[in-house]
Amino acid sequence: MENFLKKLKLSSYVIATLSPQKKGEVLKDMAKALRKNLGKILEENEKDMQNAKEISLSSALLDRLLLNKQRVENMAKAIEDIASLNEPVGRIIDGWVVPSGLRIEKVSIPIGVIAIIVFMFGVIAIIYYNLNKLEKETS
């Protein structure tokens, strides 16, 4: 997992340099991958639920862990919603001129990787696959 997270961090630098169109394509691919792999995701989630029950996780944590068709669809839809947003990077949020004439601006910058993290290998593999795919296409 530590190695995976290090690769994810490195991928964030690649993502920051992508065009808004390419970022949208990657996000849409992630949403498609969630839908395409629904069966495997639910299968792996069942294993996670069994393990969670064996270690006596609270009912609140079990509910957070539980995935079903609607929850996976909601994740895919949320990713598509993000893909449809205007590019935030480089947008001037605020600006003013100080008495000396110097213009000061607040400009949005990339914050790194945003991902849905679920306690199962299936979703992590999907995100990892897309980031590796992205890295290879931009090299």
C-alpha atoms as a PDB file:
ATOM      1  CA  MET A   1       0.000   0.000   0.000  1.00  0.00           C
ATOM      2  CA  GLU A   2       2.850   2.387   0.812  1.00  0.00           C
ATOM      3  CA  ASN A   3       4.403   1.792  -2.602  1.00  0.00           C
ATOM      4  CA  PHE A   4       1.021   2.338  -4.252  1.00  0.00           C
ATOM      5  CA  LEU A   5       0.583   5.662  -2.427  1.00  0.00           C
ATOM      6  CA  LYS A   6       4.060   6.803  -3.474  1.00  0.00           C
ATOM      7  CA  LYS A   7       3.207   6.073  -7.125  1.00  0.00           C
ATOM      8  CA  LEU A   8      -0.091   7.867  -6.689  1.00  0.00           C
ATOM      9  CA  LYS A   9       1.729  10.944  -5.379  1.00  0.00           C
ATOM     10  CA  LEU A  10       4.108  10.909  -8.350  1.00  0.00           C
ATOM     11  CA  SER A  11       1.140  10.590 -10.707  1.00  0.00           C
ATOM     12  CA  SER A  12      -0.335  13.756  -9.216  1.00  0.00           C
ATOM     13  CA  TYR A  13       2.482  15.746 -10.812  1.00  0.00           C
ATOM     14  CA  VAL A  14       1.581  14.317 -14.218  1.00  0.00           C
ATOM     15  CA  ILE A  15      -2.108  15.024 -13.669  1.00  0.00           C
ATOM     16  CA  ALA A  16      -1.372  18.656 -12.806  1.00  0.00           C
ATOM     17  CA  THR A  17       0.120  19.201 -16.264  1.00  0.00           C
ATOM     18  CA  LEU A  18      -2.763  17.719 -18.243  1.00  0.00           C
ATOM     19  CA  SER A  19      -5.150  19.746 -20.307  1.00  0.00           C
ATOM     20  CA  PRO A  20      -8.676  20.178 -18.940  1.00  0.00           C
ATOM     21  CA  GLN A  21      -9.953  17.950 -21.770  1.00  0.00           C
ATOM     22  CA  LYS A  22      -7.551  15.124 -20.874  1.00  0.00           C
ATOM     23  CA  LYS A  23      -8.434  15.365 -17.170  1.00  0.00           C
ATOM     24  CA  GLY A  24     -12.093  15.059 -18.105  1.00  0.00           C
ATOM     25  CA  GLU A  25     -11.385  12.002 -20.242  1.00  0.00           C
ATOM     26  CA  VAL A  26      -9.503  10.306 -17.408  1.00  0.00           C
ATOM     27  CA  LEU A  27     -12.326  10.992 -14.958  1.00  0.00           C
ATOM     28  CA  LYS A  28     -14.917   9.677 -17.403  1.00  0.00           C
ATOM     29  CA  ASP A  29     -12.794   6.543 -17.892  1.00  0.00           C
ATOM     30  CA  MET A  30     -12.767   6.054 -14.121  1.00  0.00           C
ATOM     31  CA  ALA A  31     -16.568   6.291 -13.984  1.00  0.00           C
ATOM     32  CA  LYS A  32     -16.867   3.774 -16.834  1.00  0.00           C
ATOM     33  CA  ALA A  33     -14.447   1.423 -15.080  1.00  0.00           C
ATOM     34  CA  LEU A  34     -16.535   1.525 -11.910  1.00  0.00           C
ATOM     35  CA  ARG A  35     -19.635   0.553 -13.851  1.00  0.00           C
ATOM     36  CA  LYS A  36     -17.845  -2.076 -15.922  1.00  0.00           C
ATOM     37  CA  ASN A  37     -16.348  -3.718 -12.835  1.00  0.00           C
ATOM     38  CA  LEU A  38     -19.476  -3.527 -10.678  1.00  0.00           C
ATOM     39  CA  GLY A  39     -19.704  -7.298 -10.217  1.00  0.00           C
ATOM     40  CA  LYS A  40     -16.085  -7.642  -9.111  1.00  0.00           C
ATOM     41  CA  ILE A  41     -16.357  -4.587  -6.859  1.00  0.00           C
ATOM     42  CA  LEU A  42     -19.431  -5.983  -5.106  1.00  0.00           C
ATOM     43  CA  GLU A  43     -17.807  -9.415  -4.834  1.00  0.00           C
ATOM     44  CA  GLU A  44     -14.705  -7.944  -3.179  1.00  0.00           C
ATOM     45  CA  ASN A  45     -16.858  -5.739  -0.972  1.00  0.00           C
ATOM     46  CA  GLU A  46     -18.637  -8.830   0.333  1.00  0.00           C
ATOM     47  CA  LYS A  47     -15.254 -10.205   1.426  1.00  0.00           C
ATOM     48  CA  ASP A  48     -14.465  -6.888   3.104  1.00  0.00           C
ATOM     49  CA  MET A  49     -17.814  -6.956   4.880  1.00  0.00           C
ATOM     50  CA  GLN A  50     -17.150 -10.476   6.185  1.00  0.00           C
ATOM     51  CA  ASN A  51     -13.718  -9.453   7.465  1.00  0.00           C
ATOM     52  CA  ALA A  52     -15.166  -6.320   9.048  1.00  0.00           C
ATOM     53  CA  LYS A  53     -17.817  -8.344  10.869  1.00  0.00           C
ATOM     54  CA  GLU A  54     -15.169 -10.795  12.111  1.00  0.00           C
ATOM     55  CA  ILE A  55     -13.266  -7.945  13.753  1.00  0.00           C
ATOM     56  CA  SER A  56     -16.494  -6.476  15.127  1.00  0.00           C
ATOM     57  CA  LEU A  57     -16.562  -3.128  13.377  1.00  0.00           C
ATOM     58  CA  SER A  58     -19.346  -0.867  14.565  1.00  0.00           C
ATOM     59  CA  SER A  59     -22.587  -0.737  12.615  1.00  0.00           C
ATOM     60  CA  ALA A  60     -21.726   2.816  11.502  1.00  0.00           C
ATOM     61  CA  LEU A  61     -18.415   1.663  10.005  1.00  0.00           C
ATOM     62  CA  LEU A  62     -20.083  -1.359   8.426  1.00  0.00           C
ATOM     63  CA  ASP A  63     -22.557   0.968   6.756  1.00  0.00           C
ATOM     64  CA  ARG A  64     -19.722   3.126   5.382  1.00  0.00           C
ATOM     65  CA  LEU A  65     -17.979   0.038   4.074  1.00  0.00           C
ATOM     66  CA  LEU A  66     -21.034  -1.505   2.446  1.00  0.00           C
ATOM     67  CA  LEU A  67     -21.320  -1.075  -1.294  1.00  0.00           C
ATOM     68  CA  ASN A  68     -24.274  -1.894  -3.458  1.00  0.00           C
ATOM     69  CA  LYS A  69     -25.215  -1.134  -7.034  1.00  0.00           C
ATOM     70  CA  GLN A  70     -26.651   2.280  -6.134  1.00  0.00           C
ATOM     71  CA  ARG A  71     -23.623   3.366  -4.096  1.00  0.00           C
ATOM     72  CA  VAL A  72     -21.211   2.400  -6.871  1.00  0.00           C
ATOM     73  CA  GLU A  73     -23.418   4.208  -9.378  1.00  0.00           C
ATOM     74  CA  ASN A  74     -23.371   7.273  -7.100  1.00  0.00           C
ATOM     75  CA  MET A  75     -19.553   7.158  -7.058  1.00  0.00           C
ATOM     76  CA  ALA A  76     -19.461   6.956 -10.857  1.00  0.00           C
ATOM     77  CA  LYS A  77     -21.950   9.823 -11.150  1.00  0.00           C
ATOM     78  CA  ALA A  78     -19.930  11.957  -8.718  1.00  0.00           C
ATOM     79  CA  ILE A  79     -16.813  11.409 -10.826  1.00  0.00           C
ATOM     80  CA  GLU A  80     -18.730  12.394 -13.964  1.00  0.00           C
ATOM     81  CA  ASP A  81     -20.003  15.505 -12.177  1.00  0.00           C
ATOM     82  CA  ILE A  82     -16.427  16.471 -11.360  1.00  0.00           C
ATOM     83  CA  ALA A  83     -15.439  15.867 -14.992  1.00  0.00           C
ATOM     84  CA  SER A  84     -18.148  18.267 -16.161  1.00  0.00           C
ATOM     85  CA  LEU A  85     -16.949  21.146 -13.981  1.00  0.00           C
ATOM     86  CA  ASN A  86     -15.002  24.037 -15.460  1.00  0.00           C
ATOM     87  CA  GLU A  87     -11.250  23.778 -15.056  1.00  0.00           C
ATOM     88  CA  PRO A  88     -10.414  25.233 -11.642  1.00  0.00           C
ATOM     89  CA  VAL A  89      -6.628  25.378 -12.092  1.00  0.00           C
ATOM     90  CA  GLY A  90      -5.341  28.817 -12.990  1.00  0.00           C
ATOM     91  CA  ARG A  91      -8.653  30.548 -12.266  1.00  0.00           C
ATOM     92  CA  ILE A  92      -8.315  33.968 -10.630  1.00  0.00           C
ATOM     93  CA  ILE A  93     -10.332  33.781  -7.411  1.00  0.00           C
ATOM     94  CA  ASP A  94      -9.712  37.284  -6.135  1.00  0.00           C
ATOM     95  CA  GLY A  95      -7.482  40.216  -6.905  1.00  0.00           C
ATOM     96  CA  TRP A  96      -6.660  43.706  -5.754  1.00  0.00           C
ATOM     97  CA  VAL A  97      -4.145  46.469  -6.271  1.00  0.00           C
ATOM     98  CA  VAL A  98      -2.072  47.695  -3.321  1.00  0.00           C
ATOM     99  CA  PRO A  99      -1.247  51.425  -2.904  1.00  0.00           C
ATOM    100  CA  SER A 100       2.135  50.982  -4.618  1.00  0.00           C
ATOM    101  CA  GLY A 101       0.315  49.784  -7.765  1.00  0.00           C
ATOM    102  CA  LEU A 102       1.260  46.128  -7.384  1.00  0.00           C
ATOM    103  CA  ARG A 103      -1.572  43.792  -8.400  1.00  0.00           C
ATOM    104  CA  ILE A 104      -2.114  40.834  -6.056  1.00  0.00           C
ATOM    105  CA  GLU A 105      -4.146  37.833  -7.215  1.00  0.00           C
ATOM    106  CA  LYS A 106      -5.366  34.623  -5.610  1.00  0.00           C
ATOM    107  CA  VAL A 107      -5.094  31.940  -8.295  1.00  0.00           C
ATOM    108  CA  SER A 108      -6.287  28.368  -7.906  1.00  0.00           C
ATOM    109  CA  ILE A 109      -3.610  25.702  -8.196  1.00  0.00           C
ATOM    110  CA  PRO A 110      -3.681  21.897  -8.412  1.00  0.00           C
ATOM    111  CA  ILE A 111      -3.926  20.177  -5.048  1.00  0.00           C
ATOM    112  CA  GLY A 112      -2.867  16.727  -6.175  1.00  0.00           C
ATOM    113  CA  VAL A 113      -4.867  13.558  -6.434  1.00  0.00           C
ATOM    114  CA  ILE A 114      -8.509  13.350  -5.505  1.00  0.00           C
ATOM    115  CA  ALA A 115      -9.841   9.835  -5.407  1.00  0.00           C
ATOM    116  CA  ILE A 116     -12.575   7.763  -3.904  1.00  0.00           C
ATOM    117  CA  ILE A 117     -10.935   5.427  -1.441  1.00  0.00           C
ATOM    118  CA  VAL A 118     -12.887   2.333  -0.503  1.00  0.00           C
ATOM    119  CA  PHE A 119     -11.645  -0.522   1.638  1.00  0.00           C
ATOM    120  CA  MET A 120     -11.222  -2.929  -1.214  1.00  0.00           C
ATOM    121  CA  PHE A 121      -8.646  -3.767  -3.802  1.00  0.00           C
ATOM    122  CA  GLY A 122     -11.011  -3.519  -6.775  1.00  0.00           C
ATOM    123  CA  VAL A 123     -11.540   0.235  -6.659  1.00  0.00           C
ATOM    124  CA  ILE A 124      -7.906   0.940  -5.838  1.00  0.00           C
ATOM    125  CA  ALA A 125      -6.884  -1.174  -8.833  1.00  0.00           C
ATOM    126  CA  ILE A 126      -9.195   0.844 -11.087  1.00  0.00           C
ATOM    127  CA  ILE A 127      -7.738   4.161  -9.925  1.00  0.00           C
ATOM    128  CA  TYR A 128      -4.205   2.819 -10.149  1.00  0.00           C
ATOM    129  CA  TYR A 129      -4.823   1.480 -13.657  1.00  0.00           C
ATOM    130  CA  ASN A 130      -6.114   4.799 -14.881  1.00  0.00           C
ATOM    131  CA  LEU A 131      -3.220   6.721 -13.385  1.00  0.00           C
ATOM    132  CA  ASN A 132      -0.695   4.337 -14.926  1.00  0.00           C
ATOM    133  CA  LYS A 133      -2.507   4.571 -18.253  1.00  0.00           C
ATOM    134  CA  LEU A 134      -2.409   8.333 -17.966  1.00  0.00           C
ATOM    135  CA  GLU A 135       1.286   8.332 -17.084  1.00  0.00           C
ATOM    136  CA  LYS A 136       2.170   6.189 -20.115  1.00  0.00           C
ATOM    137  CA  GLU A 137       0.107   8.343 -22.496  1.00  0.00           C
ATOM    138  CA  THR A 138       1.799  11.546 -21.388  1.00  0.00           C
ATOM    139  CA  SER A 139       5.366  10.197 -21.418  1.00  0.00           C
END
